[in-house]
Amino acid sequence: MPDRHAETLEIEGMSCDHCVSAVQSALEGVSGAAVQTVEIGRATVDAGPEATRELLVAAVEDAGFTVTGGQSEPAPQ
């Protein structure tokens, strides 16, 4: 597995700027995660090996939202 990878999360339940802020804060709390973008319905994170997809999903769901999909890709060089 590469050292860093890009995670895109499709997220339900986000409807306003407060939701965007809540998801961003939740993802920023995951060690090794560098949040790239958060918008209503989607977040993209540059993640280190310790920031697994499972941890990112758990952080979003603990903030009260539902992750419905997304993808993992190697981070751009």
Protein backbone atom coordinates (compact mmCIF):
# COMPACT_ATOMS: atom_id res chain seq x y z
CA MET A 1 0.00 0.00 0.00
CA PRO A 2 1.36 3.46 -0.82
CA ASP A 3 2.36 5.80 1.98
CA ARG A 4 -0.46 8.22 1.15
CA HIS A 5 -3.75 7.70 -0.59
CA ALA A 6 -6.71 9.82 -1.63
CA GLU A 7 -10.08 9.02 -0.09
CA THR A 8 -13.31 10.38 -1.52
CA LEU A 9 -16.35 9.97 0.70
CA GLU A 10 -19.93 10.35 -0.52
CA ILE A 11 -21.93 11.64 2.47
CA GLU A 12 -25.67 11.86 3.16
CA GLY A 13 -27.29 14.24 5.62
CA MET A 14 -25.28 17.36 4.80
CA SER A 15 -27.49 20.32 3.93
CA CYS A 16 -25.72 23.53 4.97
CA ASP A 17 -22.41 25.23 5.74
CA HIS A 18 -22.62 24.07 9.36
CA CYS A 19 -22.72 20.46 8.12
CA VAL A 20 -19.66 21.11 5.94
CA SER A 21 -17.82 22.53 8.97
CA ALA A 22 -18.83 19.59 11.16
CA VAL A 23 -17.56 17.04 8.63
CA GLN A 24 -14.34 18.98 8.07
CA SER A 25 -13.68 19.15 11.82
CA ALA A 26 -14.42 15.45 12.22
CA LEU A 27 -12.01 14.49 9.44
CA GLU A 28 -9.31 16.85 10.70
CA GLY A 29 -9.45 14.93 13.99
CA VAL A 30 -8.22 11.74 12.30
CA SER A 31 -4.46 11.34 12.67
CA GLY A 32 -2.75 11.40 9.28
CA ALA A 33 -5.69 12.95 7.43
CA ALA A 34 -5.19 16.14 5.41
CA VAL A 35 -8.59 17.38 4.31
CA GLN A 36 -8.53 18.56 0.69
CA THR A 37 -12.16 19.54 0.12
CA VAL A 38 -15.49 19.28 1.88
CA GLU A 39 -18.72 20.27 0.17
CA ILE A 40 -22.31 19.26 0.67
CA GLY A 41 -22.45 15.54 -0.06
CA ARG A 42 -18.74 14.86 -0.53
CA ALA A 43 -15.32 15.06 1.10
CA THR A 44 -11.84 14.37 -0.26
CA VAL A 45 -8.93 13.58 2.03
CA ASP A 46 -5.22 13.02 1.43
CA ALA A 47 -4.64 10.23 3.93
CA GLY A 48 -1.51 8.73 5.42
CA PRO A 49 -1.30 5.01 6.18
CA GLU A 50 -2.70 5.50 9.70
CA ALA A 51 -5.79 7.30 8.36
CA THR A 52 -7.67 4.27 7.09
CA ARG A 53 -10.97 4.50 5.26
CA GLU A 54 -12.62 2.86 8.27
CA LEU A 55 -11.36 5.61 10.60
CA LEU A 56 -12.47 8.35 8.21
CA VAL A 57 -15.94 6.81 7.84
CA ALA A 58 -16.22 6.41 11.61
CA ALA A 59 -15.30 10.07 12.16
CA VAL A 60 -17.98 11.26 9.71
CA GLU A 61 -20.60 8.92 11.15
CA ASP A 62 -19.73 9.94 14.73
CA ALA A 63 -20.45 13.53 13.61
CA GLY A 64 -23.99 12.43 12.68
CA PHE A 65 -23.74 11.82 8.93
CA THR A 66 -23.89 8.70 6.76
CA VAL A 67 -21.16 7.67 4.33
CA THR A 68 -22.85 6.04 1.36
CA GLY A 69 -19.89 5.43 -0.94
CA GLY A 70 -16.71 6.82 -2.40
CA GLN A 71 -13.37 5.51 -3.51
CA SER A 72 -9.72 5.09 -2.57
CA GLU A 73 -6.88 5.92 -4.94
CA PRO A 74 -3.13 6.32 -4.64
CA ALA A 75 -2.28 9.94 -3.86
CA PRO A 76 -0.92 11.94 -6.79
CA GLN A 77 2.85 12.18 -6.83
